[in-house]
Amino acid sequence: MHRSSDGRISWADDDGVLREALADKDGLVWLDLFIRTEADASVLRDVFAFHELTIEDCVSPHVDPARIDDYGDYLFIIVQPLTAYDVNTELEPVEVDFYLGPNYVVSCHREEIRAIEQFRERCGRDERPLRRTPDWVLHGIIDAIVDEYMPIVDAVDETIDKLEEEILGRPDTSLMRQIVLAKRNALRIRRATVPQRDVMLRLSRGEFPAFIRPETAMYYRDIFDHLMRIEYLIESVRDLADGALNTYLSVISNRLNEIMKVLTAAAAIFLPLTLISGIYGMNFQQNQFPGFDEPWGFAAAVGFMIALAAGLLAFFRWRNWI
């Protein structure tokens, strides 16, 4: 997308048109590239002559943490959007590489980035962002990317709240996996947020006056403040996840204690019954045991064992042991 020095906005369809657009020093060029192979990065070498190390970062499938490098004629910036949130899957960071020059912004990524698509659509409806300087266009794109973080943080927070309710109502082993997954998602958000916060701080404090104008730096400061709030919120979410995990372990431990109490009480009740039946089952002469020769002997022994079991059960209930 090219905004010429006289205000006309057009699309740069090939390298020749792109070179002419770049030669317009008072104009603005925004080039958004899908880069999955070396061939896709040819325009970065042939037209812009960017440093090979930056091109390797753009082509590599490895996701690098956010950072900023000054190459003199341009800035190379890496930011990390996040994939769409799903309660059953782990968040994955996505790398977006930016080149910020005196009259151009180049964005490179390996997959669709919803925030960039939304910014492009906004520029299609309202051309005002393209009628400003490159640092303003870069701000608009990064701001749209960072705005995607807050709904994800809120979704993780809501997930943990629901898990806590399920833990108290129905503690299941599957809940532990979901709690651990929520903790890992919170950690992923924090790992993506902290380096980007440092990048926005450098952009906002006048460290690169050749590319970031003082009147634009304050807007990067706003992104920095936004990332600070996200970092504070995600720490709270991580604490909630730890609390949910501790609650789950406490509920499971209490349930285990209740089960052990019942089993212990049952063992205590059947122990004297087993003792009685064991004594009468020993290999002695029948006349040596009282009641063996009587017709009521068996019924009396069974009745006594039933009465003993009932008495022990009543005693345990009276002491609130079961």
C-alpha atoms as a PDB file:
ATOM      1  CA  MET A   1       0.000   0.000   0.000  1.00  0.00           C
ATOM      2  CA  HIS A   2       1.494   3.335  -1.081  1.00  0.00           C
ATOM      3  CA  ARG A   3       0.562   6.881  -0.131  1.00  0.00           C
ATOM      4  CA  SER A   4       2.360   9.267  -2.466  1.00  0.00           C
ATOM      5  CA  SER A   5       3.672  12.691  -1.522  1.00  0.00           C
ATOM      6  CA  ASP A   6       0.658  14.311  -3.192  1.00  0.00           C
ATOM      7  CA  GLY A   7      -1.763  12.213  -1.066  1.00  0.00           C
ATOM      8  CA  ARG A   8      -2.805   9.567  -3.588  1.00  0.00           C
ATOM      9  CA  ILE A   9      -3.149   6.031  -2.213  1.00  0.00           C
ATOM     10  CA  SER A  10      -2.480   3.020  -4.430  1.00  0.00           C
ATOM     11  CA  TRP A  11      -1.294  -0.589  -4.313  1.00  0.00           C
ATOM     12  CA  ALA A  12       2.251  -1.590  -5.210  1.00  0.00           C
ATOM     13  CA  ASP A  13       1.730  -4.728  -7.284  1.00  0.00           C
ATOM     14  CA  ASP A  14       5.293  -5.577  -8.352  1.00  0.00           C
ATOM     15  CA  ASP A  15       8.903  -4.815  -7.539  1.00  0.00           C
ATOM     16  CA  GLY A  16       9.161  -2.021 -10.100  1.00  0.00           C
ATOM     17  CA  VAL A  17       6.189  -0.138  -8.694  1.00  0.00           C
ATOM     18  CA  LEU A  18       7.493  -0.766  -5.189  1.00  0.00           C
ATOM     19  CA  ARG A  19      10.896   0.710  -6.059  1.00  0.00           C
ATOM     20  CA  GLU A  20       9.244   3.816  -7.463  1.00  0.00           C
ATOM     21  CA  ALA A  21       7.130   4.138  -4.318  1.00  0.00           C
ATOM     22  CA  LEU A  22      10.206   3.849  -2.100  1.00  0.00           C
ATOM     23  CA  ALA A  23      11.936   6.553  -4.155  1.00  0.00           C
ATOM     24  CA  ASP A  24       9.188   8.944  -3.071  1.00  0.00           C
ATOM     25  CA  LYS A  25      10.851  10.119   0.144  1.00  0.00           C
ATOM     26  CA  ASP A  26       7.822  12.161   1.228  1.00  0.00           C
ATOM     27  CA  GLY A  27       5.442   9.269   0.657  1.00  0.00           C
ATOM     28  CA  LEU A  28       4.630   6.199   2.733  1.00  0.00           C
ATOM     29  CA  VAL A  29       4.850   2.492   1.879  1.00  0.00           C
ATOM     30  CA  TRP A  30       3.330  -0.287   3.972  1.00  0.00           C
ATOM     31  CA  LEU A  31       4.218  -3.752   2.709  1.00  0.00           C
ATOM     32  CA  ASP A  32       2.668  -6.799   4.406  1.00  0.00           C
ATOM     33  CA  LEU A  33       4.289 -10.114   3.481  1.00  0.00           C
ATOM     34  CA  PHE A  34       3.520 -13.803   4.051  1.00  0.00           C
ATOM     35  CA  ILE A  35       6.932 -15.448   4.321  1.00  0.00           C
ATOM     36  CA  ARG A  36       7.185 -19.226   4.485  1.00  0.00           C
ATOM     37  CA  THR A  37      10.083 -19.894   2.130  1.00  0.00           C
ATOM     38  CA  GLU A  38      13.285 -18.225   0.993  1.00  0.00           C
ATOM     39  CA  ALA A  39      11.582 -17.227  -2.264  1.00  0.00           C
ATOM     40  CA  ASP A  40       8.950 -15.267  -0.354  1.00  0.00           C
ATOM     41  CA  ALA A  41      11.732 -13.183   1.193  1.00  0.00           C
ATOM     42  CA  SER A  42      13.308 -12.182  -2.122  1.00  0.00           C
ATOM     43  CA  VAL A  43      11.747  -8.729  -2.007  1.00  0.00           C
ATOM     44  CA  LEU A  44      13.487  -8.090   1.327  1.00  0.00           C
ATOM     45  CA  ARG A  45      16.854  -8.772  -0.320  1.00  0.00           C
ATOM     46  CA  ASP A  46      16.365  -7.408  -3.810  1.00  0.00           C
ATOM     47  CA  VAL A  47      14.291  -4.290  -3.164  1.00  0.00           C
ATOM     48  CA  PHE A  48      15.111  -3.271   0.407  1.00  0.00           C
ATOM     49  CA  ALA A  49      18.552  -4.903   0.821  1.00  0.00           C
ATOM     50  CA  PHE A  50      17.875  -5.716   4.459  1.00  0.00           C
ATOM     51  CA  HIS A  51      20.520  -7.435   6.565  1.00  0.00           C
ATOM     52  CA  GLU A  52      20.669 -11.207   6.100  1.00  0.00           C
ATOM     53  CA  LEU A  53      20.294 -11.862   9.833  1.00  0.00           C
ATOM     54  CA  THR A  54      16.929 -10.128   9.893  1.00  0.00           C
ATOM     55  CA  ILE A  55      15.777 -12.057   6.829  1.00  0.00           C
ATOM     56  CA  GLU A  56      16.763 -15.323   8.520  1.00  0.00           C
ATOM     57  CA  ASP A  57      14.536 -14.365  11.457  1.00  0.00           C
ATOM     58  CA  CYS A  58      11.657 -13.716   9.065  1.00  0.00           C
ATOM     59  CA  VAL A  59      12.060 -17.036   7.244  1.00  0.00           C
ATOM     60  CA  SER A  60      12.791 -19.239  10.264  1.00  0.00           C
ATOM     61  CA  PRO A  61       9.777 -21.100  11.726  1.00  0.00           C
ATOM     62  CA  HIS A  62      11.253 -20.604  15.197  1.00  0.00           C
ATOM     63  CA  VAL A  63       9.340 -17.990  17.196  1.00  0.00           C
ATOM     64  CA  ASP A  64      11.766 -15.454  18.649  1.00  0.00           C
ATOM     65  CA  PRO A  65      10.990 -13.293  21.697  1.00  0.00           C
ATOM     66  CA  ALA A  66      10.167  -9.641  21.142  1.00  0.00           C
ATOM     67  CA  ARG A  67      13.164  -7.399  20.564  1.00  0.00           C
ATOM     68  CA  ILE A  68      14.338  -4.325  18.659  1.00  0.00           C
ATOM     69  CA  ASP A  69      17.561  -3.869  16.665  1.00  0.00           C
ATOM     70  CA  ASP A  70      18.870  -0.656  15.146  1.00  0.00           C
ATOM     71  CA  TYR A  71      20.543  -1.178  11.751  1.00  0.00           C
ATOM     72  CA  GLY A  72      21.136   2.504  11.126  1.00  0.00           C
ATOM     73  CA  ASP A  73      18.910   2.933   8.067  1.00  0.00           C
ATOM     74  CA  TYR A  74      15.994   1.086   9.639  1.00  0.00           C
ATOM     75  CA  LEU A  75      14.730  -0.589  12.813  1.00  0.00           C
ATOM     76  CA  PHE A  76      14.039  -4.315  12.992  1.00  0.00           C
ATOM     77  CA  ILE A  77      11.321  -5.121  15.530  1.00  0.00           C
ATOM     78  CA  ILE A  78       9.836  -8.461  16.587  1.00  0.00           C
ATOM     79  CA  VAL A  79       6.481  -8.722  18.389  1.00  0.00           C
ATOM     80  CA  GLN A  80       4.415 -11.742  19.418  1.00  0.00           C
ATOM     81  CA  PRO A  81       0.685 -12.020  18.830  1.00  0.00           C
ATOM     82  CA  LEU A  82      -1.101 -15.010  20.325  1.00  0.00           C
ATOM     83  CA  THR A  83      -3.310 -17.606  18.692  1.00  0.00           C
ATOM     84  CA  ALA A  84      -7.041 -17.611  19.365  1.00  0.00           C
ATOM     85  CA  TYR A  85      -7.884 -18.857  22.847  1.00  0.00           C
ATOM     86  CA  ASP A  86      -9.357 -22.316  23.287  1.00  0.00           C
ATOM     87  CA  VAL A  87      -9.991 -23.671  26.759  1.00  0.00           C
ATOM     88  CA  ASN A  88      -8.785 -27.149  25.733  1.00  0.00           C
ATOM     89  CA  THR A  89      -5.555 -26.167  23.948  1.00  0.00           C
ATOM     90  CA  GLU A  90      -2.381 -24.345  24.864  1.00  0.00           C
ATOM     91  CA  LEU A  91      -1.784 -20.840  23.567  1.00  0.00           C
ATOM     92  CA  GLU A  92       0.904 -20.565  20.920  1.00  0.00           C
ATOM     93  CA  PRO A  93       2.897 -17.397  20.241  1.00  0.00           C
ATOM     94  CA  VAL A  94       3.229 -16.154  16.672  1.00  0.00           C
ATOM     95  CA  GLU A  95       6.110 -14.043  15.406  1.00  0.00           C
ATOM     96  CA  VAL A  96       5.592 -10.848  13.417  1.00  0.00           C
ATOM     97  CA  ASP A  97       8.676  -9.024  12.137  1.00  0.00           C
ATOM     98  CA  PHE A  98       8.653  -5.308  11.323  1.00  0.00           C
ATOM     99  CA  TYR A  99      11.051  -3.105   9.408  1.00  0.00           C
ATOM    100  CA  LEU A 100      10.622   0.589  10.135  1.00  0.00           C
ATOM    101  CA  GLY A 101      12.390   2.945   7.751  1.00  0.00           C
ATOM    102  CA  PRO A 102      12.211   6.667   6.972  1.00  0.00           C
ATOM    103  CA  ASN A 103       9.284   6.238   4.572  1.00  0.00           C
ATOM    104  CA  TYR A 104       8.182   2.596   4.868  1.00  0.00           C
ATOM    105  CA  VAL A 105       6.889  -0.112   7.190  1.00  0.00           C
ATOM    106  CA  VAL A 106       7.314  -3.782   6.269  1.00  0.00           C
ATOM    107  CA  SER A 107       5.490  -6.468   8.256  1.00  0.00           C
ATOM    108  CA  CYS A 108       6.357 -10.161   7.810  1.00  0.00           C
ATOM    109  CA  HIS A 109       4.582 -13.191   9.245  1.00  0.00           C
ATOM    110  CA  ARG A 110       4.055 -16.887   8.507  1.00  0.00           C
ATOM    111  CA  GLU A 111       0.294 -17.076   9.072  1.00  0.00           C
ATOM    112  CA  GLU A 112      -2.810 -14.935   9.130  1.00  0.00           C
ATOM    113  CA  ILE A 113      -2.744 -12.314  11.890  1.00  0.00           C
ATOM    114  CA  ARG A 114      -6.226 -11.114  12.712  1.00  0.00           C
ATOM    115  CA  ALA A 115      -5.016  -7.804  14.155  1.00  0.00           C
ATOM    116  CA  ILE A 116      -3.156  -6.940  10.921  1.00  0.00           C
ATOM    117  CA  GLU A 117      -6.179  -7.891   8.830  1.00  0.00           C
ATOM    118  CA  GLN A 118      -8.380  -5.665  10.963  1.00  0.00           C
ATOM    119  CA  PHE A 119      -5.935  -2.767  10.624  1.00  0.00           C
ATOM    120  CA  ARG A 120      -5.850  -3.229   6.842  1.00  0.00           C
ATOM    121  CA  GLU A 121      -9.646  -3.203   6.724  1.00  0.00           C
ATOM    122  CA  ARG A 122      -9.684  -0.064   8.856  1.00  0.00           C
ATOM    123  CA  CYS A 123      -7.282   1.611   6.444  1.00  0.00           C
ATOM    124  CA  GLY A 124      -9.601   0.601   3.603  1.00  0.00           C
ATOM    125  CA  ARG A 125     -12.509   2.338   5.318  1.00  0.00           C
ATOM    126  CA  ASP A 126     -10.525   5.299   6.658  1.00  0.00           C
ATOM    127  CA  GLU A 127      -7.286   6.364   4.981  1.00  0.00           C
ATOM    128  CA  ARG A 128      -6.188   8.704   7.749  1.00  0.00           C
ATOM    129  CA  PRO A 129      -3.646   6.249   9.318  1.00  0.00           C
ATOM    130  CA  LEU A 130      -1.882   6.079   5.940  1.00  0.00           C
ATOM    131  CA  ARG A 131      -1.713   9.840   5.634  1.00  0.00           C
ATOM    132  CA  ARG A 132       0.661  10.056   8.576  1.00  0.00           C
ATOM    133  CA  THR A 133       4.241   8.973   9.105  1.00  0.00           C
ATOM    134  CA  PRO A 134       5.600   5.358   9.188  1.00  0.00           C
ATOM    135  CA  ASP A 135       6.003   5.387  12.973  1.00  0.00           C
ATOM    136  CA  TRP A 136       2.275   6.080  13.239  1.00  0.00           C
ATOM    137  CA  VAL A 137       1.407   3.138  10.972  1.00  0.00           C
ATOM    138  CA  LEU A 138       3.681   0.875  13.011  1.00  0.00           C
ATOM    139  CA  HIS A 139       1.970   2.068  16.182  1.00  0.00           C
ATOM    140  CA  GLY A 140      -1.449   1.281  14.737  1.00  0.00           C
ATOM    141  CA  ILE A 141      -0.478  -2.289  13.860  1.00  0.00           C
ATOM    142  CA  ILE A 142       1.253  -3.051  17.176  1.00  0.00           C
ATOM    143  CA  ASP A 143      -1.586  -1.443  19.114  1.00  0.00           C
ATOM    144  CA  ALA A 144      -4.074  -3.717  17.320  1.00  0.00           C
ATOM    145  CA  ILE A 145      -1.899  -6.741  18.180  1.00  0.00           C
ATOM    146  CA  VAL A 146      -1.643  -5.809  21.867  1.00  0.00           C
ATOM    147  CA  ASP A 147      -5.393  -5.145  22.042  1.00  0.00           C
ATOM    148  CA  GLU A 148      -5.897  -8.852  21.296  1.00  0.00           C
ATOM    149  CA  TYR A 149      -4.216  -9.753  24.584  1.00  0.00           C
ATOM    150  CA  MET A 150      -6.861  -8.421  26.964  1.00  0.00           C
ATOM    151  CA  PRO A 151      -9.739 -10.653  25.738  1.00  0.00           C
ATOM    152  CA  ILE A 152      -7.431 -13.667  26.094  1.00  0.00           C
ATOM    153  CA  VAL A 153      -6.507 -12.682  29.660  1.00  0.00           C
ATOM    154  CA  ASP A 154     -10.208 -12.252  30.490  1.00  0.00           C
ATOM    155  CA  ALA A 155     -10.995 -15.647  28.935  1.00  0.00           C
ATOM    156  CA  VAL A 156      -8.301 -17.401  30.991  1.00  0.00           C
ATOM    157  CA  ASP A 157      -9.576 -15.669  34.129  1.00  0.00           C
ATOM    158  CA  GLU A 158     -13.147 -16.772  33.378  1.00  0.00           C
ATOM    159  CA  THR A 159     -11.945 -20.324  32.743  1.00  0.00           C
ATOM    160  CA  ILE A 160     -10.304 -20.468  36.163  1.00  0.00           C
ATOM    161  CA  ASP A 161     -13.475 -19.142  37.849  1.00  0.00           C
ATOM    162  CA  LYS A 162     -15.525 -21.903  36.219  1.00  0.00           C
ATOM    163  CA  LEU A 163     -12.971 -24.511  37.233  1.00  0.00           C
ATOM    164  CA  GLU A 164     -13.171 -23.400  40.863  1.00  0.00           C
ATOM    165  CA  GLU A 165     -16.957 -23.844  40.809  1.00  0.00           C
ATOM    166  CA  GLU A 166     -16.605 -27.310  39.279  1.00  0.00           C
ATOM    167  CA  ILE A 167     -13.973 -28.271  41.852  1.00  0.00           C
ATOM    168  CA  LEU A 168     -16.324 -27.518  44.723  1.00  0.00           C
ATOM    169  CA  GLY A 169     -19.269 -29.226  43.040  1.00  0.00           C
ATOM    170  CA  ARG A 170     -17.659 -32.155  41.220  1.00  0.00           C
ATOM    171  CA  PRO A 171     -13.949 -32.683  41.806  1.00  0.00           C
ATOM    172  CA  ASP A 172     -12.808 -34.814  38.885  1.00  0.00           C
ATOM    173  CA  THR A 173      -9.334 -35.858  37.795  1.00  0.00           C
ATOM    174  CA  SER A 174      -9.837 -34.125  34.422  1.00  0.00           C
ATOM    175  CA  LEU A 175     -10.092 -30.788  36.221  1.00  0.00           C
ATOM    176  CA  MET A 176      -6.455 -30.962  37.271  1.00  0.00           C
ATOM    177  CA  ARG A 177      -5.339 -31.076  33.631  1.00  0.00           C
ATOM    178  CA  GLN A 178      -7.498 -28.049  32.837  1.00  0.00           C
ATOM    179  CA  ILE A 179      -6.084 -26.129  35.800  1.00  0.00           C
ATOM    180  CA  VAL A 180      -2.514 -26.897  34.755  1.00  0.00           C
ATOM    181  CA  LEU A 181      -3.379 -25.890  31.177  1.00  0.00           C
ATOM    182  CA  ALA A 182      -4.775 -22.566  32.420  1.00  0.00           C
ATOM    183  CA  LYS A 183      -1.568 -21.974  34.392  1.00  0.00           C
ATOM    184  CA  ARG A 184       0.545 -22.688  31.318  1.00  0.00           C
ATOM    185  CA  ASN A 185      -1.572 -20.328  29.222  1.00  0.00           C
ATOM    186  CA  ALA A 186      -1.076 -17.600  31.800  1.00  0.00           C
ATOM    187  CA  LEU A 187       2.660 -18.237  31.693  1.00  0.00           C
ATOM    188  CA  ARG A 188       2.645 -18.073  27.891  1.00  0.00           C
ATOM    189  CA  ILE A 189       0.934 -14.685  28.014  1.00  0.00           C
ATOM    190  CA  ARG A 190       3.459 -13.368  30.505  1.00  0.00           C
ATOM    191  CA  ARG A 191       6.421 -14.629  28.463  1.00  0.00           C
ATOM    192  CA  ALA A 192       5.061 -12.809  25.422  1.00  0.00           C
ATOM    193  CA  THR A 193       4.160  -9.629  27.316  1.00  0.00           C
ATOM    194  CA  VAL A 194       7.344  -8.827  29.229  1.00  0.00           C
ATOM    195  CA  PRO A 195       9.771  -8.569  26.262  1.00  0.00           C
ATOM    196  CA  GLN A 196       7.243  -6.512  24.275  1.00  0.00           C
ATOM    197  CA  ARG A 197       6.862  -4.177  27.209  1.00  0.00           C
ATOM    198  CA  ASP A 198      10.610  -3.502  27.118  1.00  0.00           C
ATOM    199  CA  VAL A 199      10.483  -2.872  23.361  1.00  0.00           C
ATOM    200  CA  MET A 200       7.637  -0.371  23.741  1.00  0.00           C
ATOM    201  CA  LEU A 201       9.546   1.368  26.528  1.00  0.00           C
ATOM    202  CA  ARG A 202      12.549   1.863  24.249  1.00  0.00           C
ATOM    203  CA  LEU A 203      10.334   3.184  21.457  1.00  0.00           C
ATOM    204  CA  SER A 204       8.564   5.606  23.778  1.00  0.00           C
ATOM    205  CA  ARG A 205      11.530   7.225  25.490  1.00  0.00           C
ATOM    206  CA  GLY A 206      13.155   8.835  22.433  1.00  0.00           C
ATOM    207  CA  GLU A 207      15.906   6.265  21.923  1.00  0.00           C
ATOM    208  CA  PHE A 208      15.374   6.259  18.139  1.00  0.00           C
ATOM    209  CA  PRO A 209      14.647   9.879  17.152  1.00  0.00           C
ATOM    210  CA  ALA A 210      15.404   9.205  13.468  1.00  0.00           C
ATOM    211  CA  PHE A 211      12.389   6.873  13.245  1.00  0.00           C
ATOM    212  CA  ILE A 212      10.073   7.684  16.183  1.00  0.00           C
ATOM    213  CA  ARG A 213       8.985  11.311  16.378  1.00  0.00           C
ATOM    214  CA  PRO A 214       8.409  12.853  19.822  1.00  0.00           C
ATOM    215  CA  GLU A 215       4.702  13.405  19.081  1.00  0.00           C
ATOM    216  CA  THR A 216       4.325   9.685  18.248  1.00  0.00           C
ATOM    217  CA  ALA A 217       6.426   8.401  21.157  1.00  0.00           C
ATOM    218  CA  MET A 218       3.630   9.124  23.624  1.00  0.00           C
ATOM    219  CA  TYR A 219       1.397   6.651  21.772  1.00  0.00           C
ATOM    220  CA  TYR A 220       4.018   3.938  22.181  1.00  0.00           C
ATOM    221  CA  ARG A 221       4.006   4.861  25.854  1.00  0.00           C
ATOM    222  CA  ASP A 222       0.284   4.087  25.857  1.00  0.00           C
ATOM    223  CA  ILE A 223       1.030   0.601  24.468  1.00  0.00           C
ATOM    224  CA  PHE A 224       3.669   0.194  27.180  1.00  0.00           C
ATOM    225  CA  ASP A 225       1.107   1.113  29.861  1.00  0.00           C
ATOM    226  CA  HIS A 226      -1.340  -1.349  28.316  1.00  0.00           C
ATOM    227  CA  LEU A 227       1.243  -4.135  28.513  1.00  0.00           C
ATOM    228  CA  MET A 228       1.989  -3.215  32.116  1.00  0.00           C
ATOM    229  CA  ARG A 229      -1.696  -3.624  32.991  1.00  0.00           C
ATOM    230  CA  ILE A 230      -1.789  -6.959  31.189  1.00  0.00           C
ATOM    231  CA  GLU A 231       1.271  -8.130  33.102  1.00  0.00           C
ATOM    232  CA  TYR A 232      -0.334  -7.118  36.406  1.00  0.00           C
ATOM    233  CA  LEU A 233      -3.574  -8.899  35.499  1.00  0.00           C
ATOM    234  CA  ILE A 234      -1.827 -12.054  34.336  1.00  0.00           C
ATOM    235  CA  GLU A 235       0.038 -12.266  37.640  1.00  0.00           C
ATOM    236  CA  SER A 236      -3.345 -12.178  39.371  1.00  0.00           C
ATOM    237  CA  VAL A 237      -4.603 -14.884  37.027  1.00  0.00           C
ATOM    238  CA  ARG A 238      -1.587 -17.055  37.844  1.00  0.00           C
ATOM    239  CA  ASP A 239      -2.311 -16.604  41.557  1.00  0.00           C
ATOM    240  CA  LEU A 240      -5.921 -17.634  40.931  1.00  0.00           C
ATOM    241  CA  ALA A 241      -4.733 -20.708  39.064  1.00  0.00           C
ATOM    242  CA  ASP A 242      -2.446 -21.628  41.969  1.00  0.00           C
ATOM    243  CA  GLY A 243      -5.371 -21.155  44.341  1.00  0.00           C
ATOM    244  CA  ALA A 244      -7.607 -23.334  42.171  1.00  0.00           C
ATOM    245  CA  LEU A 245      -4.973 -26.059  42.125  1.00  0.00           C
ATOM    246  CA  ASN A 246      -4.602 -25.911  45.918  1.00  0.00           C
ATOM    247  CA  THR A 247      -8.385 -26.028  46.279  1.00  0.00           C
ATOM    248  CA  TYR A 248      -8.535 -29.089  44.045  1.00  0.00           C
ATOM    249  CA  LEU A 249      -5.857 -30.877  46.058  1.00  0.00           C
ATOM    250  CA  SER A 250      -7.598 -29.959  49.329  1.00  0.00           C
ATOM    251  CA  VAL A 251     -10.981 -31.214  48.101  1.00  0.00           C
ATOM    252  CA  ILE A 252      -9.451 -34.472  46.855  1.00  0.00           C
ATOM    253  CA  SER A 253      -7.606 -34.889  50.166  1.00  0.00           C
ATOM    254  CA  ASN A 254     -10.826 -34.312  52.132  1.00  0.00           C
ATOM    255  CA  ARG A 255     -12.676 -36.835  49.990  1.00  0.00           C
ATOM    256  CA  LEU A 256      -9.901 -39.348  50.549  1.00  0.00           C
ATOM    257  CA  ASN A 257     -10.097 -38.743  54.300  1.00  0.00           C
ATOM    258  CA  GLU A 258     -13.857 -39.335  54.249  1.00  0.00           C
ATOM    259  CA  ILE A 259     -13.390 -42.580  52.320  1.00  0.00           C
ATOM    260  CA  MET A 260     -10.658 -43.707  54.723  1.00  0.00           C
ATOM    261  CA  LYS A 261     -12.911 -42.943  57.691  1.00  0.00           C
ATOM    262  CA  VAL A 262     -15.682 -45.146  56.271  1.00  0.00           C
ATOM    263  CA  LEU A 263     -13.298 -47.960  55.401  1.00  0.00           C
ATOM    264  CA  THR A 264     -11.633 -47.779  58.823  1.00  0.00           C
ATOM    265  CA  ALA A 265     -15.009 -47.872  60.547  1.00  0.00           C
ATOM    266  CA  ALA A 266     -16.057 -50.865  58.452  1.00  0.00           C
ATOM    267  CA  ALA A 267     -12.818 -52.661  59.289  1.00  0.00           C
ATOM    268  CA  ALA A 268     -13.281 -51.870  62.992  1.00  0.00           C
ATOM    269  CA  ILE A 269     -16.832 -53.297  62.894  1.00  0.00           C
ATOM    270  CA  PHE A 270     -15.905 -56.504  61.099  1.00  0.00           C
ATOM    271  CA  LEU A 271     -12.755 -57.134  63.126  1.00  0.00           C
ATOM    272  CA  PRO A 272     -14.519 -58.516  66.275  1.00  0.00           C
ATOM    273  CA  LEU A 273     -16.943 -60.437  64.031  1.00  0.00           C
ATOM    274  CA  THR A 274     -14.005 -62.062  62.304  1.00  0.00           C
ATOM    275  CA  LEU A 275     -12.484 -62.811  65.699  1.00  0.00           C
ATOM    276  CA  ILE A 276     -15.628 -64.578  66.898  1.00  0.00           C
ATOM    277  CA  SER A 277     -16.058 -66.596  63.709  1.00  0.00           C
ATOM    278  CA  GLY A 278     -12.358 -67.459  63.797  1.00  0.00           C
ATOM    279  CA  ILE A 279     -12.532 -68.759  67.339  1.00  0.00           C
ATOM    280  CA  TYR A 280     -15.574 -70.929  66.621  1.00  0.00           C
ATOM    281  CA  GLY A 281     -13.949 -72.174  63.462  1.00  0.00           C
ATOM    282  CA  MET A 282     -10.872 -73.575  65.201  1.00  0.00           C
ATOM    283  CA  ASN A 283     -10.203 -77.324  64.998  1.00  0.00           C
ATOM    284  CA  PHE A 284     -11.333 -78.387  68.506  1.00  0.00           C
ATOM    285  CA  GLN A 285     -13.927 -80.780  69.800  1.00  0.00           C
ATOM    286  CA  GLN A 286     -17.394 -79.293  69.572  1.00  0.00           C
ATOM    287  CA  ASN A 287     -18.231 -80.014  73.211  1.00  0.00           C
ATOM    288  CA  GLN A 288     -15.395 -77.745  74.234  1.00  0.00           C
ATOM    289  CA  PHE A 289     -17.285 -74.663  72.921  1.00  0.00           C
ATOM    290  CA  PRO A 290     -20.452 -73.450  74.650  1.00  0.00           C
ATOM    291  CA  GLY A 291     -23.573 -73.764  72.535  1.00  0.00           C
ATOM    292  CA  PHE A 292     -22.110 -75.968  69.803  1.00  0.00           C
ATOM    293  CA  ASP A 293     -24.259 -78.933  70.741  1.00  0.00           C
ATOM    294  CA  GLU A 294     -27.390 -76.816  71.213  1.00  0.00           C
ATOM    295  CA  PRO A 295     -29.848 -76.201  68.353  1.00  0.00           C
ATOM    296  CA  TRP A 296     -29.881 -72.471  69.171  1.00  0.00           C
ATOM    297  CA  GLY A 297     -26.047 -72.160  69.161  1.00  0.00           C
ATOM    298  CA  PHE A 298     -25.595 -70.974  65.571  1.00  0.00           C
ATOM    299  CA  ALA A 299     -28.443 -68.476  65.777  1.00  0.00           C
ATOM    300  CA  ALA A 300     -27.124 -67.131  69.081  1.00  0.00           C
ATOM    301  CA  ALA A 301     -23.618 -66.610  67.636  1.00  0.00           C
ATOM    302  CA  VAL A 302     -24.929 -64.847  64.549  1.00  0.00           C
ATOM    303  CA  GLY A 303     -27.297 -62.717  66.609  1.00  0.00           C
ATOM    304  CA  PHE A 304     -24.497 -61.718  68.941  1.00  0.00           C
ATOM    305  CA  MET A 305     -22.290 -60.688  66.008  1.00  0.00           C
ATOM    306  CA  ILE A 306     -25.119 -58.613  64.503  1.00  0.00           C
ATOM    307  CA  ALA A 307     -25.752 -56.914  67.818  1.00  0.00           C
ATOM    308  CA  LEU A 308     -22.046 -56.228  68.288  1.00  0.00           C
ATOM    309  CA  ALA A 309     -21.800 -54.706  64.785  1.00  0.00           C
ATOM    310  CA  ALA A 310     -24.861 -52.531  65.393  1.00  0.00           C
ATOM    311  CA  GLY A 311     -23.475 -51.395  68.724  1.00  0.00           C
ATOM    312  CA  LEU A 312     -20.109 -50.436  67.228  1.00  0.00           C
ATOM    313  CA  LEU A 313     -21.829 -48.583  64.381  1.00  0.00           C
ATOM    314  CA  ALA A 314     -24.010 -46.650  66.830  1.00  0.00           C
ATOM    315  CA  PHE A 315     -20.965 -45.816  68.943  1.00  0.00           C
ATOM    316  CA  PHE A 316     -19.037 -44.475  65.898  1.00  0.00           C
ATOM    317  CA  ARG A 317     -22.008 -42.329  64.860  1.00  0.00           C
ATOM    318  CA  TRP A 318     -22.399 -41.013  68.418  1.00  0.00           C
ATOM    319  CA  ARG A 319     -18.740 -39.947  68.405  1.00  0.00           C
ATOM    320  CA  ASN A 320     -19.139 -38.406  64.894  1.00  0.00           C
ATOM    321  CA  TRP A 321     -16.378 -40.587  63.555  1.00  0.00           C
ATOM    322  CA  ILE A 322     -18.453 -41.507  60.496  1.00  0.00           C
END
